Amino acid sequence: MFLSAYLAILATQLPVDVRAGENKLTQLDLKVTPNGLTFDWADADESLRGQLTPSPLRAGGNATLSAVLQPFTGDDFDGPITFAIRPLKEMGSTWSKTIKRQKGERGWTTEVTLPDPGEYRLEISWSTTHHKVVRGVFPVSPGSLPGWVTWAVGGGLIAIGLAIGLWILFGRKEPVS
């Protein structure tokens, strides 16, 4: 009896991520698709589906996070949902936003900017019959070059090609014999 009470107290002292990471019932099923990352989760009361776009997610770029929560019985859930994102190795969320669903909308949508490449933890929480939190881990690729760099390099190559073509066409002088 004393040993089980001691183990229960010890388990409550573990960091939240260690306790929650082992519970398969609170993990999002993340899948990579051509449109972005999709996620699914369900329990006996409701199902949660959503997506994180674009694909691939790039550091420094904007991403759109959307979710739909569908109860299996009863009225549709119209309360707020909280999205939280943080780097996997850090504690506490670095970005969090609570969103209320607007009338006539089916789900919740928000924008987020992911600053650095690496793995991030997504947490989605809401309260229906009780407070629920589901989690998943997703990768963020290094950022690509800014668009103006691509246009500058492309424009420079076109200008060089045009100059060489004009020099060949008009600039060559053939010796007169």
C-alpha atoms as a PDB file:
ATOM      1  CA  MET A   1       0.000   0.000   0.000  1.00  0.00           C
ATOM      2  CA  PHE A   2       2.733   2.449   0.963  1.00  0.00           C
ATOM      3  CA  LEU A   3       4.741   1.599  -2.163  1.00  0.00           C
ATOM      4  CA  SER A   4       1.805   2.228  -4.526  1.00  0.00           C
ATOM      5  CA  ALA A   5       1.063   5.575  -2.829  1.00  0.00           C
ATOM      6  CA  TYR A   6       4.718   6.527  -3.129  1.00  0.00           C
ATOM      7  CA  LEU A   7       4.762   5.609  -6.848  1.00  0.00           C
ATOM      8  CA  ALA A   8       1.561   7.603  -7.460  1.00  0.00           C
ATOM      9  CA  ILE A   9       3.093  10.677  -5.815  1.00  0.00           C
ATOM     10  CA  LEU A  10       6.304  10.204  -7.786  1.00  0.00           C
ATOM     11  CA  ALA A  11       4.385   9.928 -11.080  1.00  0.00           C
ATOM     12  CA  THR A  12       2.589  13.213 -10.427  1.00  0.00           C
ATOM     13  CA  GLN A  13       5.963  14.921  -9.965  1.00  0.00           C
ATOM     14  CA  LEU A  14       7.215  13.959 -13.440  1.00  0.00           C
ATOM     15  CA  PRO A  15       7.227  16.687 -16.097  1.00  0.00           C
ATOM     16  CA  VAL A  16       3.979  16.912 -18.051  1.00  0.00           C
ATOM     17  CA  ASP A  17       5.644  15.861 -21.316  1.00  0.00           C
ATOM     18  CA  VAL A  18       6.974  12.617 -19.844  1.00  0.00           C
ATOM     19  CA  ARG A  19       3.551  11.628 -18.494  1.00  0.00           C
ATOM     20  CA  ALA A  20       1.588  12.730 -21.577  1.00  0.00           C
ATOM     21  CA  GLY A  21       4.079  11.393 -24.115  1.00  0.00           C
ATOM     22  CA  GLU A  22       3.546   7.831 -22.936  1.00  0.00           C
ATOM     23  CA  ASN A  23      -0.247   7.990 -23.225  1.00  0.00           C
ATOM     24  CA  LYS A  24      -1.277   6.867 -26.709  1.00  0.00           C
ATOM     25  CA  LEU A  25      -4.797   8.197 -26.097  1.00  0.00           C
ATOM     26  CA  THR A  26      -3.619  11.823 -26.199  1.00  0.00           C
ATOM     27  CA  GLN A  27      -1.397  11.628 -29.282  1.00  0.00           C
ATOM     28  CA  LEU A  28      -2.377  13.106 -32.633  1.00  0.00           C
ATOM     29  CA  ASP A  29      -1.938  10.883 -35.660  1.00  0.00           C
ATOM     30  CA  LEU A  30       0.087  13.181 -37.975  1.00  0.00           C
ATOM     31  CA  LYS A  31       0.458  12.318 -41.677  1.00  0.00           C
ATOM     32  CA  VAL A  32       2.340  14.122 -44.431  1.00  0.00           C
ATOM     33  CA  THR A  33       0.260  14.860 -47.550  1.00  0.00           C
ATOM     34  CA  PRO A  34       1.020  16.989 -50.637  1.00  0.00           C
ATOM     35  CA  ASN A  35      -1.122  19.791 -49.151  1.00  0.00           C
ATOM     36  CA  GLY A  36       0.515  19.759 -45.702  1.00  0.00           C
ATOM     37  CA  LEU A  37       0.354  17.824 -42.453  1.00  0.00           C
ATOM     38  CA  THR A  38      -3.000  16.324 -41.516  1.00  0.00           C
ATOM     39  CA  PHE A  39      -3.905  15.105 -38.058  1.00  0.00           C
ATOM     40  CA  ASP A  40      -6.622  12.878 -36.634  1.00  0.00           C
ATOM     41  CA  TRP A  41      -7.655  12.000 -33.098  1.00  0.00           C
ATOM     42  CA  ALA A  42     -10.730  10.421 -31.574  1.00  0.00           C
ATOM     43  CA  ASP A  43     -12.007   9.136 -28.269  1.00  0.00           C
ATOM     44  CA  ALA A  44     -15.419   7.826 -27.181  1.00  0.00           C
ATOM     45  CA  ASP A  45     -16.993  11.321 -27.203  1.00  0.00           C
ATOM     46  CA  GLU A  46     -15.643  13.181 -30.243  1.00  0.00           C
ATOM     47  CA  SER A  47     -13.174  13.296 -33.100  1.00  0.00           C
ATOM     48  CA  LEU A  48     -10.688  16.017 -34.006  1.00  0.00           C
ATOM     49  CA  ARG A  49      -9.350  16.468 -37.528  1.00  0.00           C
ATOM     50  CA  GLY A  50      -7.267  19.191 -39.016  1.00  0.00           C
ATOM     51  CA  GLN A  51      -4.327  20.274 -41.052  1.00  0.00           C
ATOM     52  CA  LEU A  52      -1.184  22.381 -40.945  1.00  0.00           C
ATOM     53  CA  THR A  53      -0.256  23.905 -44.322  1.00  0.00           C
ATOM     54  CA  PRO A  54       1.776  24.542 -46.538  1.00  0.00           C
ATOM     55  CA  SER A  55       3.905  21.534 -47.369  1.00  0.00           C
ATOM     56  CA  PRO A  56       6.732  21.478 -46.451  1.00  0.00           C
ATOM     57  CA  LEU A  57       6.621  23.764 -43.428  1.00  0.00           C
ATOM     58  CA  ARG A  58       9.554  26.188 -43.614  1.00  0.00           C
ATOM     59  CA  ALA A  59      11.216  28.202 -40.858  1.00  0.00           C
ATOM     60  CA  GLY A  60      10.305  31.883 -41.004  1.00  0.00           C
ATOM     61  CA  GLY A  61       7.272  31.236 -43.207  1.00  0.00           C
ATOM     62  CA  ASN A  62       3.609  31.514 -42.317  1.00  0.00           C
ATOM     63  CA  ALA A  63       1.611  28.359 -41.665  1.00  0.00           C
ATOM     64  CA  THR A  64      -2.147  27.915 -41.421  1.00  0.00           C
ATOM     65  CA  LEU A  65      -3.462  25.699 -38.649  1.00  0.00           C
ATOM     66  CA  SER A  66      -7.072  24.540 -38.872  1.00  0.00           C
ATOM     67  CA  ALA A  67      -9.137  22.013 -36.920  1.00  0.00           C
ATOM     68  CA  VAL A  68     -12.658  20.604 -36.836  1.00  0.00           C
ATOM     69  CA  LEU A  69     -14.036  19.051 -33.647  1.00  0.00           C
ATOM     70  CA  GLN A  70     -17.028  16.783 -34.190  1.00  0.00           C
ATOM     71  CA  PRO A  71     -18.920  15.203 -31.264  1.00  0.00           C
ATOM     72  CA  PHE A  72     -20.347  11.754 -31.941  1.00  0.00           C
ATOM     73  CA  THR A  73     -23.603  12.580 -30.135  1.00  0.00           C
ATOM     74  CA  GLY A  74     -25.343  15.769 -29.079  1.00  0.00           C
ATOM     75  CA  ASP A  75     -24.898  19.340 -30.237  1.00  0.00           C
ATOM     76  CA  ASP A  76     -21.867  20.638 -32.120  1.00  0.00           C
ATOM     77  CA  PHE A  77     -19.082  22.001 -29.932  1.00  0.00           C
ATOM     78  CA  ASP A  78     -18.851  25.773 -30.351  1.00  0.00           C
ATOM     79  CA  GLY A  79     -16.568  26.677 -27.459  1.00  0.00           C
ATOM     80  CA  PRO A  80     -13.018  27.940 -27.748  1.00  0.00           C
ATOM     81  CA  ILE A  81     -10.053  25.782 -28.724  1.00  0.00           C
ATOM     82  CA  THR A  82      -6.472  26.591 -27.723  1.00  0.00           C
ATOM     83  CA  PHE A  83      -3.604  25.895 -30.128  1.00  0.00           C
ATOM     84  CA  ALA A  84      -0.090  25.873 -28.629  1.00  0.00           C
ATOM     85  CA  ILE A  85       3.224  25.277 -30.416  1.00  0.00           C
ATOM     86  CA  ARG A  86       6.727  25.005 -28.996  1.00  0.00           C
ATOM     87  CA  PRO A  87      10.078  23.506 -29.958  1.00  0.00           C
ATOM     88  CA  LEU A  88      10.164  19.856 -28.901  1.00  0.00           C
ATOM     89  CA  LYS A  89      13.144  20.235 -26.543  1.00  0.00           C
ATOM     90  CA  GLU A  90      11.709  23.231 -24.636  1.00  0.00           C
ATOM     91  CA  MET A  91       9.164  23.369 -21.822  1.00  0.00           C
ATOM     92  CA  GLY A  92       6.133  25.641 -21.996  1.00  0.00           C
ATOM     93  CA  SER A  93       4.571  26.955 -25.175  1.00  0.00           C
ATOM     94  CA  THR A  94       6.327  29.625 -27.213  1.00  0.00           C
ATOM     95  CA  TRP A  95       3.143  30.395 -29.142  1.00  0.00           C
ATOM     96  CA  SER A  96      -0.412  29.959 -27.927  1.00  0.00           C
ATOM     97  CA  LYS A  97      -3.743  31.204 -29.213  1.00  0.00           C
ATOM     98  CA  THR A  98      -7.305  30.603 -28.014  1.00  0.00           C
ATOM     99  CA  ILE A  99      -9.871  30.862 -30.783  1.00  0.00           C
ATOM    100  CA  LYS A 100     -13.651  31.046 -30.684  1.00  0.00           C
ATOM    101  CA  ARG A 101     -15.554  29.619 -33.617  1.00  0.00           C
ATOM    102  CA  GLN A 102     -17.535  32.204 -35.530  1.00  0.00           C
ATOM    103  CA  LYS A 103     -21.195  31.660 -36.399  1.00  0.00           C
ATOM    104  CA  GLY A 104     -21.574  29.710 -39.627  1.00  0.00           C
ATOM    105  CA  GLU A 105     -18.020  28.340 -39.567  1.00  0.00           C
ATOM    106  CA  ARG A 106     -17.378  24.645 -39.220  1.00  0.00           C
ATOM    107  CA  GLY A 107     -13.983  24.763 -37.532  1.00  0.00           C
ATOM    108  CA  TRP A 108     -11.214  26.880 -36.057  1.00  0.00           C
ATOM    109  CA  THR A 109      -8.388  28.413 -38.114  1.00  0.00           C
ATOM    110  CA  THR A 110      -5.356  30.538 -37.249  1.00  0.00           C
ATOM    111  CA  GLU A 111      -1.989  31.618 -38.665  1.00  0.00           C
ATOM    112  CA  VAL A 112       1.401  30.939 -37.059  1.00  0.00           C
ATOM    113  CA  THR A 113       5.026  31.713 -37.968  1.00  0.00           C
ATOM    114  CA  LEU A 114       7.578  29.063 -37.021  1.00  0.00           C
ATOM    115  CA  PRO A 115      10.905  30.872 -36.474  1.00  0.00           C
ATOM    116  CA  ASP A 116      13.507  28.080 -36.513  1.00  0.00           C
ATOM    117  CA  PRO A 117      13.956  24.700 -38.224  1.00  0.00           C
ATOM    118  CA  GLY A 118      13.599  21.552 -36.132  1.00  0.00           C
ATOM    119  CA  GLU A 119      10.874  19.519 -34.469  1.00  0.00           C
ATOM    120  CA  TYR A 120       7.905  21.226 -32.841  1.00  0.00           C
ATOM    121  CA  ARG A 121       5.145  19.989 -30.529  1.00  0.00           C
ATOM    122  CA  LEU A 122       1.575  20.937 -31.354  1.00  0.00           C
ATOM    123  CA  GLU A 123      -0.935  20.889 -28.491  1.00  0.00           C
ATOM    124  CA  ILE A 124      -4.656  21.393 -28.990  1.00  0.00           C
ATOM    125  CA  SER A 125      -6.893  21.750 -25.940  1.00  0.00           C
ATOM    126  CA  TRP A 126     -10.592  22.300 -25.270  1.00  0.00           C
ATOM    127  CA  SER A 127     -13.245  21.588 -22.630  1.00  0.00           C
ATOM    128  CA  THR A 128     -16.376  19.539 -23.290  1.00  0.00           C
ATOM    129  CA  THR A 129     -17.297  16.890 -20.717  1.00  0.00           C
ATOM    130  CA  HIS A 130     -13.850  17.558 -19.205  1.00  0.00           C
ATOM    131  CA  HIS A 131     -10.628  19.339 -20.235  1.00  0.00           C
ATOM    132  CA  LYS A 132      -8.839  17.532 -23.077  1.00  0.00           C
ATOM    133  CA  VAL A 133      -5.349  18.032 -24.500  1.00  0.00           C
ATOM    134  CA  VAL A 134      -3.943  16.199 -27.514  1.00  0.00           C
ATOM    135  CA  ARG A 135      -0.375  16.416 -28.783  1.00  0.00           C
ATOM    136  CA  GLY A 136       1.706  15.683 -31.839  1.00  0.00           C
ATOM    137  CA  VAL A 137       5.219  16.341 -33.138  1.00  0.00           C
ATOM    138  CA  PHE A 138       5.948  17.763 -36.594  1.00  0.00           C
ATOM    139  CA  PRO A 139       9.112  18.844 -38.463  1.00  0.00           C
ATOM    140  CA  VAL A 140       9.934  22.314 -39.795  1.00  0.00           C
ATOM    141  CA  SER A 141      12.456  22.562 -42.658  1.00  0.00           C
ATOM    142  CA  PRO A 142      15.072  25.313 -42.965  1.00  0.00           C
ATOM    143  CA  GLY A 143      13.741  28.436 -44.654  1.00  0.00           C
ATOM    144  CA  SER A 144      14.137  28.914 -48.366  1.00  0.00           C
ATOM    145  CA  LEU A 145      15.645  31.936 -50.065  1.00  0.00           C
ATOM    146  CA  PRO A 146      13.475  35.051 -50.133  1.00  0.00           C
ATOM    147  CA  GLY A 147      11.547  35.551 -53.362  1.00  0.00           C
ATOM    148  CA  TRP A 148      13.440  38.722 -54.286  1.00  0.00           C
ATOM    149  CA  VAL A 149      16.736  36.777 -54.363  1.00  0.00           C
ATOM    150  CA  THR A 150      15.301  34.287 -56.846  1.00  0.00           C
ATOM    151  CA  TRP A 151      14.008  37.101 -59.072  1.00  0.00           C
ATOM    152  CA  ALA A 152      17.320  39.011 -58.849  1.00  0.00           C
ATOM    153  CA  VAL A 153      19.398  35.967 -59.828  1.00  0.00           C
ATOM    154  CA  GLY A 154      16.988  35.026 -62.616  1.00  0.00           C
ATOM    155  CA  GLY A 155      16.872  38.593 -63.942  1.00  0.00           C
ATOM    156  CA  GLY A 156      20.674  38.830 -63.801  1.00  0.00           C
ATOM    157  CA  LEU A 157      21.086  35.609 -65.775  1.00  0.00           C
ATOM    158  CA  ILE A 158      18.609  36.831 -68.410  1.00  0.00           C
ATOM    159  CA  ALA A 159      20.448  40.169 -68.694  1.00  0.00           C
ATOM    160  CA  ILE A 160      23.817  38.414 -69.101  1.00  0.00           C
ATOM    161  CA  GLY A 161      22.386  36.069 -71.746  1.00  0.00           C
ATOM    162  CA  LEU A 162      20.861  39.006 -73.624  1.00  0.00           C
ATOM    163  CA  ALA A 163      24.146  40.972 -73.501  1.00  0.00           C
ATOM    164  CA  ILE A 164      26.149  37.999 -74.817  1.00  0.00           C
ATOM    165  CA  GLY A 165      23.602  37.434 -77.582  1.00  0.00           C
ATOM    166  CA  LEU A 166      23.697  41.093 -78.666  1.00  0.00           C
ATOM    167  CA  TRP A 167      27.516  41.134 -78.564  1.00  0.00           C
ATOM    168  CA  ILE A 168      27.632  38.038 -80.787  1.00  0.00           C
ATOM    169  CA  LEU A 169      25.059  39.482 -83.171  1.00  0.00           C
ATOM    170  CA  PHE A 170      26.339  43.052 -83.483  1.00  0.00           C
ATOM    171  CA  GLY A 171      29.707  43.286 -81.824  1.00  0.00           C
ATOM    172  CA  ARG A 172      31.901  40.960 -83.902  1.00  0.00           C
ATOM    173  CA  LYS A 173      34.015  42.623 -86.545  1.00  0.00           C
ATOM    174  CA  GLU A 174      35.301  40.395 -89.308  1.00  0.00           C
ATOM    175  CA  PRO A 175      38.622  41.372 -90.855  1.00  0.00           C
ATOM    176  CA  VAL A 176      38.351  42.695 -94.417  1.00  0.00           C
ATOM    177  CA  SER A 177      40.569  40.824 -96.867  1.00  0.00           C
END
